[in-house]
Amino acid sequence: MNTINTHFRLSYQLQDEAFQLSQAGNCNLYIALSSKAMRLAVADVERNKFVALEDYELITVFTPLQIAEQLRLIADQSPILQEQRWLDIRVSVSNQFFTLVPETLFDPAHQEDYLRLHSTLDPQQHVILHNRTFGLDAVNIFAVDGVLYRMVQSFFPERTVQFTHQTSALIKSLLLQTDRKAGRTMHLYVERNYVTVLVIDENGLQFCNVFHYLSPEDFIYFVVFVMQEQKMNPEQETITAWGDITPDSSLFNMLKKYIRQVKFGKRPTDVGYSYKFDDLFDHRYFELFSLHFCE
């Protein structure tokens, strides 16, 4: 008997009327996975347009095994996850277990050694993966909890699933969109209890890290700390924010208190969106949409 309780809720769902699962063979499936949420998006490759989205919030879930159990329950009720005919299936993983290594120095046989310099790993628990990061001549080495890796793979037993770290998707999308002639710019991708901070200038990516915060005070500390380290002036620089942050949130108010110019980012422009997406804030689901560029 199944004794696993449901600890998730479908917080947002939309689908273009013209899209049917029978069209999956012309579409890519993107999955963004974190400790707090599982988000799905479908992109029609022929029309280069997003046509469906589902956002599942994970509630009172604390361990990788608990997350995996909830993912299985979500898959049991989501026709999108039950479909097998997608062109490509891409999954981004959000965690702090990653490091960027210059491609010229990368040796696949030592990828675990590189990652151990920055992260505490359990070989029995984690799966170590890597992917090359667009525009950097660098390799992103990252770890996925094995139970989550195997659960996602089990959804598509006959398919190849492409895993990437969320930072790789963010970096690629930002390098495609950012006007590097504008000089050094800071970008924030905000999640519940985590913020990814990226700094880009005319030479490309200069800084990328993921910080864990518990309060707005923690949040602003990390932002200001990186600005100081990067010799950026809070009175002059503009910060662009994406993700789970709203104009009336305590995080945004804290940013406005310490940073003179703060703005919300736009969704990626090199792909279209069904009119159903018009009601979404442009800065939401950036991590999910960015998977479209991770070929």
C-alpha atoms as a PDB file:
ATOM      1  CA  MET A   1       0.000   0.000   0.000  1.00  0.00           C
ATOM      2  CA  ASN A   2       1.279   3.488  -0.873  1.00  0.00           C
ATOM      3  CA  THR A   3       1.745   5.418   2.367  1.00  0.00           C
ATOM      4  CA  ILE A   4       3.557   8.427   0.888  1.00  0.00           C
ATOM      5  CA  ASN A   5       1.704  11.672   1.559  1.00  0.00           C
ATOM      6  CA  THR A   6       1.340  14.432  -0.986  1.00  0.00           C
ATOM      7  CA  HIS A   7       3.586  17.374  -0.150  1.00  0.00           C
ATOM      8  CA  PHE A   8       3.320  19.435  -3.323  1.00  0.00           C
ATOM      9  CA  ARG A   9       0.867  21.748  -4.989  1.00  0.00           C
ATOM     10  CA  LEU A  10       0.412  22.813  -8.584  1.00  0.00           C
ATOM     11  CA  SER A  11       0.883  26.541  -8.159  1.00  0.00           C
ATOM     12  CA  TYR A  12       0.700  27.495 -11.842  1.00  0.00           C
ATOM     13  CA  GLN A  13      -0.340  25.816 -15.081  1.00  0.00           C
ATOM     14  CA  LEU A  14      -0.901  27.071 -18.598  1.00  0.00           C
ATOM     15  CA  GLN A  15      -1.169  25.527 -22.028  1.00  0.00           C
ATOM     16  CA  ASP A  16      -1.800  26.956 -25.466  1.00  0.00           C
ATOM     17  CA  GLU A  17      -5.060  25.668 -26.961  1.00  0.00           C
ATOM     18  CA  ALA A  18      -3.219  24.749 -30.163  1.00  0.00           C
ATOM     19  CA  PHE A  19      -0.845  22.387 -28.344  1.00  0.00           C
ATOM     20  CA  GLN A  20      -1.671  18.708 -27.950  1.00  0.00           C
ATOM     21  CA  LEU A  21       0.525  15.959 -26.519  1.00  0.00           C
ATOM     22  CA  SER A  22       0.279  14.242 -29.898  1.00  0.00           C
ATOM     23  CA  GLN A  23       2.649  17.016 -31.099  1.00  0.00           C
ATOM     24  CA  ALA A  24       5.374  16.007 -28.590  1.00  0.00           C
ATOM     25  CA  GLY A  25       7.550  14.697 -31.418  1.00  0.00           C
ATOM     26  CA  ASN A  26       8.005  18.297 -32.575  1.00  0.00           C
ATOM     27  CA  CYS A  27       8.663  19.684 -29.082  1.00  0.00           C
ATOM     28  CA  ASN A  28      11.326  19.810 -26.370  1.00  0.00           C
ATOM     29  CA  LEU A  29      10.585  19.217 -22.693  1.00  0.00           C
ATOM     30  CA  TYR A  30      12.454  21.302 -20.130  1.00  0.00           C
ATOM     31  CA  ILE A  31      12.513  20.545 -16.395  1.00  0.00           C
ATOM     32  CA  ALA A  32      13.955  22.848 -13.711  1.00  0.00           C
ATOM     33  CA  LEU A  33      14.492  20.990 -10.456  1.00  0.00           C
ATOM     34  CA  SER A  34      15.312  22.463  -7.047  1.00  0.00           C
ATOM     35  CA  SER A  35      14.714  21.539  -3.410  1.00  0.00           C
ATOM     36  CA  LYS A  36      11.637  23.797  -3.410  1.00  0.00           C
ATOM     37  CA  ALA A  37      10.046  23.260  -6.809  1.00  0.00           C
ATOM     38  CA  MET A  38       9.767  21.267 -10.005  1.00  0.00           C
ATOM     39  CA  ARG A  39       8.922  23.281 -13.099  1.00  0.00           C
ATOM     40  CA  LEU A  40       8.135  22.002 -16.579  1.00  0.00           C
ATOM     41  CA  ALA A  41       7.959  23.810 -19.900  1.00  0.00           C
ATOM     42  CA  VAL A  42       7.272  22.654 -23.445  1.00  0.00           C
ATOM     43  CA  ALA A  43       8.743  24.423 -26.470  1.00  0.00           C
ATOM     44  CA  ASP A  44       7.477  23.795 -29.985  1.00  0.00           C
ATOM     45  CA  VAL A  45      10.752  23.571 -31.913  1.00  0.00           C
ATOM     46  CA  GLU A  46       9.221  24.069 -35.359  1.00  0.00           C
ATOM     47  CA  ARG A  47       7.592  27.342 -34.283  1.00  0.00           C
ATOM     48  CA  ASN A  48      10.357  28.208 -31.769  1.00  0.00           C
ATOM     49  CA  LYS A  49       7.683  28.979 -29.192  1.00  0.00           C
ATOM     50  CA  PHE A  50       6.877  27.983 -25.615  1.00  0.00           C
ATOM     51  CA  VAL A  51       3.409  26.449 -25.477  1.00  0.00           C
ATOM     52  CA  ALA A  52       2.977  24.946 -21.984  1.00  0.00           C
ATOM     53  CA  LEU A  53       4.180  25.379 -18.408  1.00  0.00           C
ATOM     54  CA  GLU A  54       3.589  23.663 -15.063  1.00  0.00           C
ATOM     55  CA  ASP A  55       4.966  24.861 -11.714  1.00  0.00           C
ATOM     56  CA  TYR A  56       4.873  22.472  -8.747  1.00  0.00           C
ATOM     57  CA  GLU A  57       5.815  23.806  -5.318  1.00  0.00           C
ATOM     58  CA  LEU A  58       7.330  21.283  -2.906  1.00  0.00           C
ATOM     59  CA  ILE A  59       6.040  21.722   0.658  1.00  0.00           C
ATOM     60  CA  THR A  60       7.594  20.444   3.907  1.00  0.00           C
ATOM     61  CA  VAL A  61      10.053  18.329   1.943  1.00  0.00           C
ATOM     62  CA  PHE A  62      13.548  18.195   3.429  1.00  0.00           C
ATOM     63  CA  THR A  63      15.617  15.299   2.064  1.00  0.00           C
ATOM     64  CA  PRO A  64      16.517  14.141  -1.465  1.00  0.00           C
ATOM     65  CA  LEU A  65      14.547  10.934  -0.881  1.00  0.00           C
ATOM     66  CA  GLN A  66      11.455  12.925   0.088  1.00  0.00           C
ATOM     67  CA  ILE A  67      11.863  15.111  -2.983  1.00  0.00           C
ATOM     68  CA  ALA A  68      12.192  12.034  -5.198  1.00  0.00           C
ATOM     69  CA  GLU A  69       9.003  10.578  -3.711  1.00  0.00           C
ATOM     70  CA  GLN A  70       7.119  13.776  -4.495  1.00  0.00           C
ATOM     71  CA  LEU A  71       8.493  13.834  -8.051  1.00  0.00           C
ATOM     72  CA  ARG A  72       7.096  10.340  -8.573  1.00  0.00           C
ATOM     73  CA  LEU A  73       3.684  11.466  -7.337  1.00  0.00           C
ATOM     74  CA  ILE A  74       3.817  14.501  -9.647  1.00  0.00           C
ATOM     75  CA  ALA A  75       4.699  12.243 -12.588  1.00  0.00           C
ATOM     76  CA  ASP A  76       1.725  10.042 -11.758  1.00  0.00           C
ATOM     77  CA  GLN A  77      -0.628  12.956 -12.363  1.00  0.00           C
ATOM     78  CA  SER A  78       1.176  14.960 -15.090  1.00  0.00           C
ATOM     79  CA  PRO A  79       0.489  13.838 -18.675  1.00  0.00           C
ATOM     80  CA  ILE A  80       3.503  15.901 -19.740  1.00  0.00           C
ATOM     81  CA  LEU A  81       5.849  13.751 -17.635  1.00  0.00           C
ATOM     82  CA  GLN A  82       4.161  10.571 -18.846  1.00  0.00           C
ATOM     83  CA  GLU A  83       4.751  11.477 -22.499  1.00  0.00           C
ATOM     84  CA  GLN A  84       7.824   9.820 -24.066  1.00  0.00           C
ATOM     85  CA  ARG A  85       8.045  11.218 -27.590  1.00  0.00           C
ATOM     86  CA  TRP A  86       9.801  14.550 -26.917  1.00  0.00           C
ATOM     87  CA  LEU A  87      12.568  15.593 -29.271  1.00  0.00           C
ATOM     88  CA  ASP A  88      14.922  16.579 -26.440  1.00  0.00           C
ATOM     89  CA  ILE A  89      14.546  16.328 -22.663  1.00  0.00           C
ATOM     90  CA  ARG A  90      16.669  18.804 -20.712  1.00  0.00           C
ATOM     91  CA  VAL A  91      16.861  19.022 -16.921  1.00  0.00           C
ATOM     92  CA  SER A  92      18.535  21.759 -14.889  1.00  0.00           C
ATOM     93  CA  VAL A  93      19.546  21.138 -11.289  1.00  0.00           C
ATOM     94  CA  SER A  94      19.735  23.928  -8.712  1.00  0.00           C
ATOM     95  CA  ASN A  95      22.219  23.433  -5.870  1.00  0.00           C
ATOM     96  CA  GLN A  96      25.577  24.679  -4.577  1.00  0.00           C
ATOM     97  CA  PHE A  97      27.517  21.619  -5.765  1.00  0.00           C
ATOM     98  CA  PHE A  98      29.208  23.045  -8.848  1.00  0.00           C
ATOM     99  CA  THR A  99      32.487  24.516 -10.040  1.00  0.00           C
ATOM    100  CA  LEU A 100      33.682  26.035 -13.312  1.00  0.00           C
ATOM    101  CA  VAL A 101      37.014  24.768 -14.662  1.00  0.00           C
ATOM    102  CA  PRO A 102      38.858  26.120 -17.750  1.00  0.00           C
ATOM    103  CA  GLU A 103      38.367  23.688 -20.609  1.00  0.00           C
ATOM    104  CA  THR A 104      42.120  23.488 -21.238  1.00  0.00           C
ATOM    105  CA  LEU A 105      42.638  22.176 -17.689  1.00  0.00           C
ATOM    106  CA  PHE A 106      39.675  19.799 -17.573  1.00  0.00           C
ATOM    107  CA  ASP A 107      40.340  16.071 -17.300  1.00  0.00           C
ATOM    108  CA  PRO A 108      37.135  13.969 -17.077  1.00  0.00           C
ATOM    109  CA  ALA A 109      38.965  11.390 -14.968  1.00  0.00           C
ATOM    110  CA  HIS A 110      39.425  13.989 -12.225  1.00  0.00           C
ATOM    111  CA  GLN A 111      36.073  15.767 -12.293  1.00  0.00           C
ATOM    112  CA  GLU A 112      35.236  14.564  -8.780  1.00  0.00           C
ATOM    113  CA  ASP A 113      38.578  15.910  -7.513  1.00  0.00           C
ATOM    114  CA  TYR A 114      37.841  19.368  -8.960  1.00  0.00           C
ATOM    115  CA  LEU A 115      34.425  19.425  -7.321  1.00  0.00           C
ATOM    116  CA  ARG A 116      35.717  18.263  -3.945  1.00  0.00           C
ATOM    117  CA  LEU A 117      37.767  21.459  -3.706  1.00  0.00           C
ATOM    118  CA  HIS A 118      34.493  23.404  -3.414  1.00  0.00           C
ATOM    119  CA  SER A 119      31.888  20.941  -2.152  1.00  0.00           C
ATOM    120  CA  THR A 120      31.448  18.180   0.403  1.00  0.00           C
ATOM    121  CA  LEU A 121      30.457  15.139  -1.615  1.00  0.00           C
ATOM    122  CA  ASP A 122      29.286  11.669  -0.719  1.00  0.00           C
ATOM    123  CA  PRO A 123      30.298   9.196  -3.486  1.00  0.00           C
ATOM    124  CA  GLN A 124      27.494   6.895  -2.352  1.00  0.00           C
ATOM    125  CA  GLN A 125      24.906   9.662  -2.651  1.00  0.00           C
ATOM    126  CA  HIS A 126      25.935  11.940  -5.521  1.00  0.00           C
ATOM    127  CA  VAL A 127      26.252  11.506  -9.267  1.00  0.00           C
ATOM    128  CA  ILE A 128      29.010  13.712 -10.721  1.00  0.00           C
ATOM    129  CA  LEU A 129      28.293  15.220 -14.153  1.00  0.00           C
ATOM    130  CA  HIS A 130      29.702  17.961 -16.336  1.00  0.00           C
ATOM    131  CA  ASN A 131      28.770  20.095 -19.314  1.00  0.00           C
ATOM    132  CA  ARG A 132      30.611  22.664 -21.366  1.00  0.00           C
ATOM    133  CA  THR A 133      29.445  26.211 -20.809  1.00  0.00           C
ATOM    134  CA  PHE A 134      28.748  28.412 -23.815  1.00  0.00           C
ATOM    135  CA  GLY A 135      30.956  31.458 -24.308  1.00  0.00           C
ATOM    136  CA  LEU A 136      33.406  30.614 -21.494  1.00  0.00           C
ATOM    137  CA  ASP A 137      35.713  27.910 -22.809  1.00  0.00           C
ATOM    138  CA  ALA A 138      34.912  26.345 -19.446  1.00  0.00           C
ATOM    139  CA  VAL A 139      33.399  23.155 -18.081  1.00  0.00           C
ATOM    140  CA  ASN A 140      30.759  23.202 -15.361  1.00  0.00           C
ATOM    141  CA  ILE A 141      31.263  20.210 -13.053  1.00  0.00           C
ATOM    142  CA  PHE A 142      28.305  19.521 -10.771  1.00  0.00           C
ATOM    143  CA  ALA A 143      26.710  16.923  -8.531  1.00  0.00           C
ATOM    144  CA  VAL A 144      23.160  15.590  -8.484  1.00  0.00           C
ATOM    145  CA  ASP A 145      21.695  13.574  -5.640  1.00  0.00           C
ATOM    146  CA  GLY A 146      21.630  10.042  -7.012  1.00  0.00           C
ATOM    147  CA  VAL A 147      18.068   9.370  -5.893  1.00  0.00           C
ATOM    148  CA  LEU A 148      16.846  12.428  -7.833  1.00  0.00           C
ATOM    149  CA  TYR A 149      18.948  11.560 -10.866  1.00  0.00           C
ATOM    150  CA  ARG A 150      17.547   8.036 -10.997  1.00  0.00           C
ATOM    151  CA  MET A 151      13.978   9.194 -10.402  1.00  0.00           C
ATOM    152  CA  VAL A 152      14.051  11.632 -13.338  1.00  0.00           C
ATOM    153  CA  GLN A 153      15.688   9.002 -15.534  1.00  0.00           C
ATOM    154  CA  SER A 154      12.903   6.574 -14.594  1.00  0.00           C
ATOM    155  CA  PHE A 155      10.317   8.911 -16.120  1.00  0.00           C
ATOM    156  CA  PHE A 156      11.919   8.397 -19.544  1.00  0.00           C
ATOM    157  CA  PRO A 157      13.396   4.872 -19.477  1.00  0.00           C
ATOM    158  CA  GLU A 158      14.050   4.682 -23.218  1.00  0.00           C
ATOM    159  CA  ARG A 159      15.293   8.238 -23.683  1.00  0.00           C
ATOM    160  CA  THR A 160      18.512  10.179 -23.172  1.00  0.00           C
ATOM    161  CA  VAL A 161      17.988  12.913 -20.590  1.00  0.00           C
ATOM    162  CA  GLN A 162      20.372  15.864 -20.764  1.00  0.00           C
ATOM    163  CA  PHE A 163      21.267  17.141 -17.292  1.00  0.00           C
ATOM    164  CA  THR A 164      22.849  20.543 -16.737  1.00  0.00           C
ATOM    165  CA  HIS A 165      23.500  22.762 -13.768  1.00  0.00           C
ATOM    166  CA  GLN A 166      21.187  25.740 -13.467  1.00  0.00           C
ATOM    167  CA  THR A 167      24.153  28.128 -13.554  1.00  0.00           C
ATOM    168  CA  SER A 168      25.097  26.868 -17.036  1.00  0.00           C
ATOM    169  CA  ALA A 169      21.633  27.704 -18.366  1.00  0.00           C
ATOM    170  CA  LEU A 170      21.686  31.135 -16.708  1.00  0.00           C
ATOM    171  CA  ILE A 171      25.176  31.929 -17.982  1.00  0.00           C
ATOM    172  CA  LYS A 172      24.392  30.982 -21.564  1.00  0.00           C
ATOM    173  CA  SER A 173      21.147  32.938 -21.638  1.00  0.00           C
ATOM    174  CA  LEU A 174      22.682  36.027 -20.042  1.00  0.00           C
ATOM    175  CA  LEU A 175      25.700  36.036 -22.354  1.00  0.00           C
ATOM    176  CA  LEU A 176      23.330  35.897 -25.313  1.00  0.00           C
ATOM    177  CA  GLN A 177      21.195  38.776 -24.034  1.00  0.00           C
ATOM    178  CA  THR A 178      23.489  41.123 -22.140  1.00  0.00           C
ATOM    179  CA  ASP A 179      24.839  44.239 -23.838  1.00  0.00           C
ATOM    180  CA  ARG A 180      28.471  43.836 -22.852  1.00  0.00           C
ATOM    181  CA  LYS A 181      29.352  47.265 -24.232  1.00  0.00           C
ATOM    182  CA  ALA A 182      27.469  48.707 -21.250  1.00  0.00           C
ATOM    183  CA  GLY A 183      30.370  47.708 -18.997  1.00  0.00           C
ATOM    184  CA  ARG A 184      30.271  45.568 -15.874  1.00  0.00           C
ATOM    185  CA  THR A 185      26.781  44.463 -14.851  1.00  0.00           C
ATOM    186  CA  MET A 186      25.411  42.366 -11.998  1.00  0.00           C
ATOM    187  CA  HIS A 187      22.574  39.884 -12.382  1.00  0.00           C
ATOM    188  CA  LEU A 188      20.636  38.057  -9.672  1.00  0.00           C
ATOM    189  CA  TYR A 189      18.583  34.919 -10.049  1.00  0.00           C
ATOM    190  CA  VAL A 190      16.478  34.640  -6.888  1.00  0.00           C
ATOM    191  CA  GLU A 191      15.001  31.455  -5.460  1.00  0.00           C
ATOM    192  CA  ARG A 192      13.538  30.733  -2.052  1.00  0.00           C
ATOM    193  CA  ASN A 193      16.597  30.727   0.275  1.00  0.00           C
ATOM    194  CA  TYR A 194      19.096  30.839  -2.612  1.00  0.00           C
ATOM    195  CA  VAL A 195      20.423  33.580  -4.856  1.00  0.00           C
ATOM    196  CA  THR A 196      22.730  33.133  -7.835  1.00  0.00           C
ATOM    197  CA  VAL A 197      24.934  36.188  -8.389  1.00  0.00           C
ATOM    198  CA  LEU A 198      26.578  36.732 -11.772  1.00  0.00           C
ATOM    199  CA  VAL A 199      28.813  39.562 -12.966  1.00  0.00           C
ATOM    200  CA  ILE A 200      29.381  40.102 -16.689  1.00  0.00           C
ATOM    201  CA  ASP A 201      31.534  42.643 -18.525  1.00  0.00           C
ATOM    202  CA  GLU A 202      32.790  43.158 -22.066  1.00  0.00           C
ATOM    203  CA  ASN A 203      35.098  40.147 -21.659  1.00  0.00           C
ATOM    204  CA  GLY A 204      32.329  37.791 -20.561  1.00  0.00           C
ATOM    205  CA  LEU A 205      31.516  36.185 -17.218  1.00  0.00           C
ATOM    206  CA  GLN A 206      33.621  37.464 -14.326  1.00  0.00           C
ATOM    207  CA  PHE A 207      31.817  35.978 -11.330  1.00  0.00           C
ATOM    208  CA  CYS A 208      29.234  33.299 -10.611  1.00  0.00           C
ATOM    209  CA  ASN A 209      28.230  31.786  -7.284  1.00  0.00           C
ATOM    210  CA  VAL A 210      25.158  30.523  -5.446  1.00  0.00           C
ATOM    211  CA  PHE A 211      24.535  31.781  -1.899  1.00  0.00           C
ATOM    212  CA  HIS A 212      22.186  30.407   0.737  1.00  0.00           C
ATOM    213  CA  TYR A 213      20.239  33.045   2.681  1.00  0.00           C
ATOM    214  CA  LEU A 214      17.695  32.834   5.490  1.00  0.00           C
ATOM    215  CA  SER A 215      16.607  36.474   5.727  1.00  0.00           C
ATOM    216  CA  PRO A 216      16.553  39.684   3.660  1.00  0.00           C
ATOM    217  CA  GLU A 217      19.576  40.797   5.682  1.00  0.00           C
ATOM    218  CA  ASP A 218      21.518  37.694   4.609  1.00  0.00           C
ATOM    219  CA  PHE A 219      20.398  38.263   1.045  1.00  0.00           C
ATOM    220  CA  ILE A 220      21.632  41.851   0.805  1.00  0.00           C
ATOM    221  CA  TYR A 221      24.875  40.985   2.607  1.00  0.00           C
ATOM    222  CA  PHE A 222      25.900  38.604  -0.165  1.00  0.00           C
ATOM    223  CA  VAL A 223      24.898  41.042  -2.914  1.00  0.00           C
ATOM    224  CA  VAL A 224      26.851  43.940  -1.401  1.00  0.00           C
ATOM    225  CA  PHE A 225      29.798  41.675  -0.582  1.00  0.00           C
ATOM    226  CA  VAL A 226      30.116  40.602  -4.237  1.00  0.00           C
ATOM    227  CA  MET A 227      29.793  44.209  -5.398  1.00  0.00           C
ATOM    228  CA  GLN A 228      32.651  45.201  -3.112  1.00  0.00           C
ATOM    229  CA  GLU A 229      34.803  42.282  -4.268  1.00  0.00           C
ATOM    230  CA  GLN A 230      34.106  43.176  -7.901  1.00  0.00           C
ATOM    231  CA  LYS A 231      34.762  46.874  -7.237  1.00  0.00           C
ATOM    232  CA  MET A 232      31.227  47.867  -8.189  1.00  0.00           C
ATOM    233  CA  ASN A 233      29.579  50.985  -6.770  1.00  0.00           C
ATOM    234  CA  PRO A 234      26.060  50.518  -5.304  1.00  0.00           C
ATOM    235  CA  GLU A 235      25.393  54.189  -6.032  1.00  0.00           C
ATOM    236  CA  GLN A 236      26.157  53.850  -9.739  1.00  0.00           C
ATOM    237  CA  GLU A 237      25.612  50.257 -10.861  1.00  0.00           C
ATOM    238  CA  THR A 238      22.341  48.742 -12.031  1.00  0.00           C
ATOM    239  CA  ILE A 239      21.347  45.325 -10.738  1.00  0.00           C
ATOM    240  CA  THR A 240      18.983  43.170 -12.800  1.00  0.00           C
ATOM    241  CA  ALA A 241      16.886  40.566 -10.978  1.00  0.00           C
ATOM    242  CA  TRP A 242      15.040  37.465 -12.172  1.00  0.00           C
ATOM    243  CA  GLY A 243      13.235  34.632 -10.473  1.00  0.00           C
ATOM    244  CA  ASP A 244      11.059  34.359  -7.396  1.00  0.00           C
ATOM    245  CA  ILE A 245      11.104  38.003  -6.353  1.00  0.00           C
ATOM    246  CA  THR A 246       8.263  40.511  -6.671  1.00  0.00           C
ATOM    247  CA  PRO A 247       8.078  44.330  -6.564  1.00  0.00           C
ATOM    248  CA  ASP A 248       6.364  44.248  -3.163  1.00  0.00           C
ATOM    249  CA  SER A 249       8.629  41.635  -1.549  1.00  0.00           C
ATOM    250  CA  SER A 250      10.944  42.244   1.387  1.00  0.00           C
ATOM    251  CA  LEU A 251      13.893  41.141  -0.764  1.00  0.00           C
ATOM    252  CA  PHE A 252      13.187  43.743  -3.425  1.00  0.00           C
ATOM    253  CA  ASN A 253      12.675  46.443  -0.798  1.00  0.00           C
ATOM    254  CA  MET A 254      16.006  45.508   0.743  1.00  0.00           C
ATOM    255  CA  LEU A 255      17.703  45.760  -2.657  1.00  0.00           C
ATOM    256  CA  LYS A 256      16.193  49.205  -3.235  1.00  0.00           C
ATOM    257  CA  LYS A 257      17.432  50.314   0.165  1.00  0.00           C
ATOM    258  CA  TYR A 258      21.083  49.579  -0.603  1.00  0.00           C
ATOM    259  CA  ILE A 259      21.310  49.699  -4.415  1.00  0.00           C
ATOM    260  CA  ARG A 260      20.332  52.871  -6.234  1.00  0.00           C
ATOM    261  CA  GLN A 261      19.224  51.235  -9.478  1.00  0.00           C
ATOM    262  CA  VAL A 262      17.412  47.888  -9.457  1.00  0.00           C
ATOM    263  CA  LYS A 263      15.325  46.531 -12.310  1.00  0.00           C
ATOM    264  CA  PHE A 264      13.627  43.299 -13.267  1.00  0.00           C
ATOM    265  CA  GLY A 265      14.964  41.314 -16.198  1.00  0.00           C
ATOM    266  CA  LYS A 266      13.102  40.252 -19.312  1.00  0.00           C
ATOM    267  CA  ARG A 267      12.454  36.726 -20.507  1.00  0.00           C
ATOM    268  CA  PRO A 268      14.799  35.446 -23.254  1.00  0.00           C
ATOM    269  CA  THR A 269      14.037  37.141 -26.556  1.00  0.00           C
ATOM    270  CA  ASP A 270      15.350  34.588 -29.065  1.00  0.00           C
ATOM    271  CA  VAL A 271      12.262  32.409 -28.625  1.00  0.00           C
ATOM    272  CA  GLY A 272       8.511  33.094 -28.768  1.00  0.00           C
ATOM    273  CA  TYR A 273       5.812  32.559 -26.170  1.00  0.00           C
ATOM    274  CA  SER A 274       2.159  31.657 -26.426  1.00  0.00           C
ATOM    275  CA  TYR A 275      -0.199  34.492 -25.509  1.00  0.00           C
ATOM    276  CA  LYS A 276      -1.015  32.371 -22.460  1.00  0.00           C
ATOM    277  CA  PHE A 277       2.320  33.518 -21.014  1.00  0.00           C
ATOM    278  CA  ASP A 278       1.291  37.193 -21.185  1.00  0.00           C
ATOM    279  CA  ASP A 279       0.002  37.200 -17.596  1.00  0.00           C
ATOM    280  CA  LEU A 280       3.369  36.098 -16.203  1.00  0.00           C
ATOM    281  CA  PHE A 281       5.937  38.559 -14.899  1.00  0.00           C
ATOM    282  CA  ASP A 282       8.668  38.774 -17.537  1.00  0.00           C
ATOM    283  CA  HIS A 283      11.344  37.987 -14.945  1.00  0.00           C
ATOM    284  CA  ARG A 284       9.717  34.716 -13.786  1.00  0.00           C
ATOM    285  CA  TYR A 285      10.806  31.263 -14.971  1.00  0.00           C
ATOM    286  CA  PHE A 286      14.014  32.599 -16.506  1.00  0.00           C
ATOM    287  CA  GLU A 287      15.887  29.436 -15.465  1.00  0.00           C
ATOM    288  CA  LEU A 288      13.310  27.291 -17.240  1.00  0.00           C
ATOM    289  CA  PHE A 289      13.210  29.312 -20.458  1.00  0.00           C
ATOM    290  CA  SER A 290      17.020  29.439 -20.542  1.00  0.00           C
ATOM    291  CA  LEU A 291      17.162  25.668 -21.049  1.00  0.00           C
ATOM    292  CA  HIS A 292      15.985  26.337 -24.610  1.00  0.00           C
ATOM    293  CA  PHE A 293      19.518  27.518 -25.449  1.00  0.00           C
ATOM    294  CA  CYS A 294      21.407  24.600 -23.842  1.00  0.00           C
ATOM    295  CA  GLU A 295      21.872  22.416 -26.889  1.00  0.00           C
END
